[in-house]
Amino acid sequence: MFDLVNEGYDNVDLVGYHEHERPVRTRQEFRAAVTDRFTQRQATAIRSAYLGGFFEWPRDVDGTELAESMDVTRPTYHQHLRAAQRKVLEELFEPDR
């Protein structure tokens, strides 16, 4: 990581680093770790967003349509989606959490 930053910017100094060994997980173990953390609403929100094309560009569906499909308000839908996304990223970047 340092090499990438050092190549892109002048006068970069490494003042410290932290090594952390993580156990190797299979795809199935990672998936289970993520999905076990989802509430039912979070799982529905992220699954419907992915399958509906919410993450495509341009989007095939918007948050309002996805919220309506779950019979919740748009802000509530986005709250569930963001919570699910956060849990995926936590498992990816902080698996010991």
N, C-alpha and C. Protein backbone atom coordinates (compact mmCIF):
# COMPACT_ATOMS: atom_id res chain seq x y z
N MET A 1 0.82 -1.17 0.00
CA MET A 1 0.00 0.00 0.00
C MET A 1 0.88 1.25 0.00
N PHE A 2 1.92 1.23 0.82
CA PHE A 2 2.81 2.39 0.88
C PHE A 2 3.41 2.69 -0.48
N ASP A 3 3.82 1.64 -1.20
CA ASP A 3 4.43 1.85 -2.52
C ASP A 3 3.48 2.58 -3.46
N LEU A 4 2.20 2.25 -3.42
CA LEU A 4 1.23 2.93 -4.27
C LEU A 4 1.13 4.41 -3.94
N VAL A 5 1.06 4.71 -2.65
CA VAL A 5 0.97 6.11 -2.22
C VAL A 5 2.26 6.84 -2.56
N ASN A 6 3.38 6.21 -2.31
CA ASN A 6 4.69 6.82 -2.56
C ASN A 6 4.88 7.14 -4.04
N GLU A 7 4.40 6.27 -4.93
CA GLU A 7 4.51 6.51 -6.36
C GLU A 7 3.63 7.66 -6.82
N GLY A 8 2.51 7.85 -6.16
CA GLY A 8 1.55 8.87 -6.58
C GLY A 8 1.77 10.25 -6.00
N TYR A 9 2.55 10.35 -4.93
CA TYR A 9 2.73 11.63 -4.25
C TYR A 9 4.20 11.86 -3.92
N ASP A 10 4.61 13.12 -3.93
CA ASP A 10 5.98 13.48 -3.56
C ASP A 10 6.10 13.62 -2.05
N ASN A 11 7.31 13.42 -1.55
CA ASN A 11 7.64 13.66 -0.14
C ASN A 11 6.77 12.87 0.83
N VAL A 12 6.59 11.60 0.58
CA VAL A 12 5.82 10.74 1.47
C VAL A 12 6.78 10.02 2.40
N ASP A 13 6.48 10.07 3.70
CA ASP A 13 7.29 9.37 4.69
C ASP A 13 6.43 8.36 5.43
N LEU A 14 6.95 7.17 5.60
CA LEU A 14 6.28 6.15 6.38
C LEU A 14 6.68 6.35 7.84
N VAL A 15 5.72 6.65 8.69
CA VAL A 15 6.03 6.90 10.10
C VAL A 15 5.67 5.71 10.97
N GLY A 16 4.99 4.74 10.43
CA GLY A 16 4.66 3.54 11.19
C GLY A 16 3.78 2.63 10.36
N TYR A 17 3.71 1.40 10.77
CA TYR A 17 2.82 0.47 10.09
C TYR A 17 2.40 -0.61 11.07
N HIS A 18 1.37 -1.31 10.70
CA HIS A 18 0.82 -2.36 11.54
C HIS A 18 0.56 -3.58 10.67
N GLU A 19 1.12 -4.70 11.06
CA GLU A 19 0.87 -5.94 10.34
C GLU A 19 -0.19 -6.72 11.09
N HIS A 20 -1.08 -7.30 10.32
CA HIS A 20 -2.16 -8.07 10.92
C HIS A 20 -2.38 -9.31 10.07
N GLU A 21 -2.20 -10.45 10.67
CA GLU A 21 -2.44 -11.68 9.93
C GLU A 21 -3.90 -12.07 10.08
N ARG A 22 -4.50 -12.36 8.96
CA ARG A 22 -5.89 -12.77 8.95
C ARG A 22 -5.97 -14.22 8.47
N PRO A 23 -6.85 -14.96 9.07
CA PRO A 23 -7.01 -16.32 8.57
C PRO A 23 -7.61 -16.28 7.16
N VAL A 24 -7.19 -17.21 6.35
CA VAL A 24 -7.73 -17.30 4.99
C VAL A 24 -9.12 -17.89 5.08
N ARG A 25 -10.07 -17.24 4.40
CA ARG A 25 -11.44 -17.75 4.40
C ARG A 25 -11.85 -18.10 2.97
N THR A 26 -12.66 -19.12 2.88
CA THR A 26 -13.20 -19.47 1.57
C THR A 26 -14.32 -18.50 1.23
N ARG A 27 -14.73 -18.53 -0.01
CA ARG A 27 -15.86 -17.69 -0.45
C ARG A 27 -17.11 -18.01 0.37
N GLN A 28 -17.34 -19.28 0.63
CA GLN A 28 -18.51 -19.68 1.40
C GLN A 28 -18.43 -19.18 2.84
N GLU A 29 -17.24 -19.22 3.43
CA GLU A 29 -17.08 -18.73 4.80
C GLU A 29 -17.30 -17.22 4.86
N PHE A 30 -16.78 -16.50 3.87
CA PHE A 30 -16.98 -15.06 3.83
C PHE A 30 -18.46 -14.74 3.67
N ARG A 31 -19.11 -15.42 2.74
CA ARG A 31 -20.55 -15.18 2.51
C ARG A 31 -21.35 -15.46 3.78
N ALA A 32 -21.05 -16.56 4.45
CA ALA A 32 -21.77 -16.90 5.68
C ALA A 32 -21.52 -15.85 6.76
N ALA A 33 -20.29 -15.39 6.88
CA ALA A 33 -19.96 -14.37 7.89
C ALA A 33 -20.74 -13.09 7.64
N VAL A 34 -20.90 -12.72 6.37
CA VAL A 34 -21.63 -11.50 6.04
C VAL A 34 -23.13 -11.71 6.25
N THR A 35 -23.68 -12.74 5.65
CA THR A 35 -25.13 -12.91 5.70
C THR A 35 -25.63 -13.21 7.11
N ASP A 36 -24.81 -13.82 7.94
CA ASP A 36 -25.21 -14.07 9.33
C ASP A 36 -25.41 -12.77 10.10
N ARG A 37 -24.79 -11.71 9.65
CA ARG A 37 -24.88 -10.41 10.34
C ARG A 37 -26.08 -9.59 9.88
N PHE A 38 -26.65 -9.91 8.73
CA PHE A 38 -27.77 -9.14 8.19
C PHE A 38 -29.05 -9.41 8.97
N THR A 39 -29.85 -8.35 9.15
CA THR A 39 -31.24 -8.57 9.55
C THR A 39 -31.98 -9.00 8.29
N GLN A 40 -33.20 -9.47 8.45
CA GLN A 40 -33.99 -9.88 7.28
C GLN A 40 -34.19 -8.71 6.33
N ARG A 41 -34.47 -7.53 6.87
CA ARG A 41 -34.69 -6.34 6.03
C ARG A 41 -33.41 -5.93 5.30
N GLN A 42 -32.28 -6.01 5.97
CA GLN A 42 -31.01 -5.67 5.32
C GLN A 42 -30.71 -6.65 4.19
N ALA A 43 -30.94 -7.93 4.43
CA ALA A 43 -30.71 -8.93 3.39
C ALA A 43 -31.61 -8.68 2.19
N THR A 44 -32.87 -8.37 2.44
CA THR A 44 -33.80 -8.08 1.35
C THR A 44 -33.39 -6.83 0.60
N ALA A 45 -32.99 -5.80 1.33
CA ALA A 45 -32.62 -4.53 0.70
C ALA A 45 -31.41 -4.69 -0.22
N ILE A 46 -30.38 -5.35 0.25
CA ILE A 46 -29.17 -5.47 -0.57
C ILE A 46 -29.36 -6.45 -1.72
N ARG A 47 -30.12 -7.52 -1.48
CA ARG A 47 -30.39 -8.49 -2.54
C ARG A 47 -31.23 -7.86 -3.65
N SER A 48 -32.28 -7.14 -3.26
CA SER A 48 -33.14 -6.51 -4.27
C SER A 48 -32.39 -5.41 -5.03
N ALA A 49 -31.51 -4.70 -4.34
CA ALA A 49 -30.71 -3.67 -5.01
C ALA A 49 -29.79 -4.30 -6.04
N TYR A 50 -29.13 -5.36 -5.66
CA TYR A 50 -28.19 -6.02 -6.57
C TYR A 50 -28.93 -6.65 -7.76
N LEU A 51 -29.94 -7.44 -7.47
CA LEU A 51 -30.66 -8.13 -8.54
C LEU A 51 -31.48 -7.17 -9.40
N GLY A 52 -31.92 -6.06 -8.82
CA GLY A 52 -32.71 -5.08 -9.56
C GLY A 52 -31.90 -4.13 -10.42
N GLY A 53 -30.59 -4.13 -10.27
CA GLY A 53 -29.75 -3.26 -11.08
C GLY A 53 -29.45 -1.91 -10.46
N PHE A 54 -29.64 -1.79 -9.16
CA PHE A 54 -29.38 -0.52 -8.46
C PHE A 54 -27.92 -0.11 -8.55
N PHE A 55 -27.01 -1.08 -8.61
CA PHE A 55 -25.58 -0.77 -8.64
C PHE A 55 -25.03 -0.65 -10.05
N GLU A 56 -25.89 -0.76 -11.07
CA GLU A 56 -25.47 -0.59 -12.46
C GLU A 56 -25.41 0.89 -12.79
N TRP A 57 -24.71 1.22 -13.88
CA TRP A 57 -24.68 2.61 -14.34
C TRP A 57 -25.04 2.65 -15.80
N PRO A 58 -26.09 3.32 -16.18
CA PRO A 58 -27.04 3.97 -15.29
C PRO A 58 -27.87 2.93 -14.54
N ARG A 59 -28.45 3.36 -13.46
CA ARG A 59 -29.23 2.45 -12.63
C ARG A 59 -30.47 1.96 -13.38
N ASP A 60 -30.74 0.66 -13.19
CA ASP A 60 -31.95 0.08 -13.77
C ASP A 60 -33.17 0.33 -12.90
N VAL A 61 -32.94 0.62 -11.63
CA VAL A 61 -34.00 0.84 -10.66
C VAL A 61 -33.49 1.85 -9.65
N ASP A 62 -34.40 2.62 -9.05
CA ASP A 62 -33.95 3.60 -8.06
C ASP A 62 -34.45 3.22 -6.66
N GLY A 63 -33.98 3.98 -5.68
CA GLY A 63 -34.32 3.68 -4.30
C GLY A 63 -35.80 3.76 -4.00
N THR A 64 -36.50 4.64 -4.68
CA THR A 64 -37.95 4.76 -4.47
C THR A 64 -38.66 3.48 -4.87
N GLU A 65 -38.30 2.95 -6.03
CA GLU A 65 -38.93 1.71 -6.50
C GLU A 65 -38.60 0.54 -5.57
N LEU A 66 -37.36 0.47 -5.13
CA LEU A 66 -36.97 -0.61 -4.22
C LEU A 66 -37.67 -0.47 -2.87
N ALA A 67 -37.81 0.75 -2.40
CA ALA A 67 -38.53 0.99 -1.14
C ALA A 67 -39.98 0.54 -1.26
N GLU A 68 -40.60 0.88 -2.38
CA GLU A 68 -41.99 0.48 -2.59
C GLU A 68 -42.13 -1.04 -2.62
N SER A 69 -41.15 -1.72 -3.21
CA SER A 69 -41.21 -3.18 -3.28
C SER A 69 -41.12 -3.82 -1.89
N MET A 70 -40.51 -3.10 -0.94
CA MET A 70 -40.41 -3.60 0.44
C MET A 70 -41.49 -3.01 1.33
N ASP A 71 -42.32 -2.13 0.76
CA ASP A 71 -43.39 -1.47 1.51
C ASP A 71 -42.84 -0.65 2.68
N VAL A 72 -41.75 0.09 2.40
CA VAL A 72 -41.17 1.00 3.39
C VAL A 72 -40.91 2.34 2.70
N THR A 73 -40.61 3.35 3.49
CA THR A 73 -40.28 4.65 2.91
C THR A 73 -38.89 4.59 2.29
N ARG A 74 -38.62 5.55 1.41
CA ARG A 74 -37.31 5.61 0.75
C ARG A 74 -36.17 5.76 1.77
N PRO A 75 -36.29 6.68 2.76
CA PRO A 75 -35.20 6.79 3.75
C PRO A 75 -34.99 5.49 4.55
N THR A 76 -36.08 4.81 4.87
CA THR A 76 -35.95 3.55 5.60
C THR A 76 -35.26 2.49 4.75
N TYR A 77 -35.63 2.44 3.47
CA TYR A 77 -34.96 1.50 2.57
C TYR A 77 -33.46 1.77 2.53
N HIS A 78 -33.10 3.03 2.34
CA HIS A 78 -31.68 3.37 2.25
C HIS A 78 -30.95 3.11 3.57
N GLN A 79 -31.63 3.24 4.68
CA GLN A 79 -31.02 2.92 5.97
C GLN A 79 -30.68 1.42 6.03
N HIS A 80 -31.61 0.57 5.58
CA HIS A 80 -31.36 -0.87 5.55
C HIS A 80 -30.22 -1.21 4.59
N LEU A 81 -30.23 -0.58 3.41
CA LEU A 81 -29.21 -0.85 2.41
C LEU A 81 -27.83 -0.44 2.91
N ARG A 82 -27.73 0.76 3.48
CA ARG A 82 -26.43 1.23 3.97
C ARG A 82 -25.91 0.37 5.12
N ALA A 83 -26.81 -0.08 5.98
CA ALA A 83 -26.39 -0.96 7.08
C ALA A 83 -25.84 -2.27 6.53
N ALA A 84 -26.49 -2.81 5.52
CA ALA A 84 -26.02 -4.06 4.90
C ALA A 84 -24.67 -3.84 4.21
N GLN A 85 -24.54 -2.74 3.49
CA GLN A 85 -23.27 -2.44 2.83
C GLN A 85 -22.15 -2.28 3.85
N ARG A 86 -22.44 -1.60 4.95
CA ARG A 86 -21.43 -1.41 6.00
C ARG A 86 -20.97 -2.76 6.55
N LYS A 87 -21.89 -3.69 6.74
CA LYS A 87 -21.54 -5.01 7.27
C LYS A 87 -20.67 -5.79 6.29
N VAL A 88 -20.95 -5.67 5.00
CA VAL A 88 -20.10 -6.32 4.00
C VAL A 88 -18.69 -5.75 4.07
N LEU A 89 -18.59 -4.43 4.12
CA LEU A 89 -17.28 -3.79 4.16
C LEU A 89 -16.53 -4.08 5.45
N GLU A 90 -17.24 -4.16 6.56
CA GLU A 90 -16.59 -4.52 7.83
C GLU A 90 -16.00 -5.92 7.75
N GLU A 91 -16.73 -6.85 7.17
CA GLU A 91 -16.20 -8.21 7.03
C GLU A 91 -15.01 -8.25 6.09
N LEU A 92 -15.03 -7.41 5.08
CA LEU A 92 -13.93 -7.37 4.13
C LEU A 92 -12.68 -6.75 4.74
N PHE A 93 -12.84 -5.64 5.45
CA PHE A 93 -11.69 -4.90 5.95
C PHE A 93 -11.39 -5.11 7.43
N GLU A 94 -12.35 -5.61 8.21
CA GLU A 94 -12.15 -5.83 9.64
C GLU A 94 -12.75 -7.18 10.05
N PRO A 95 -12.24 -8.28 9.54
CA PRO A 95 -12.87 -9.57 9.81
C PRO A 95 -12.82 -10.02 11.26
N ASP A 96 -11.95 -9.42 12.07
CA ASP A 96 -11.85 -9.81 13.48
C ASP A 96 -12.79 -9.02 14.37
N ARG A 97 -13.52 -8.15 13.78
CA ARG A 97 -14.40 -7.25 14.54
C ARG A 97 -15.46 -8.00 15.28
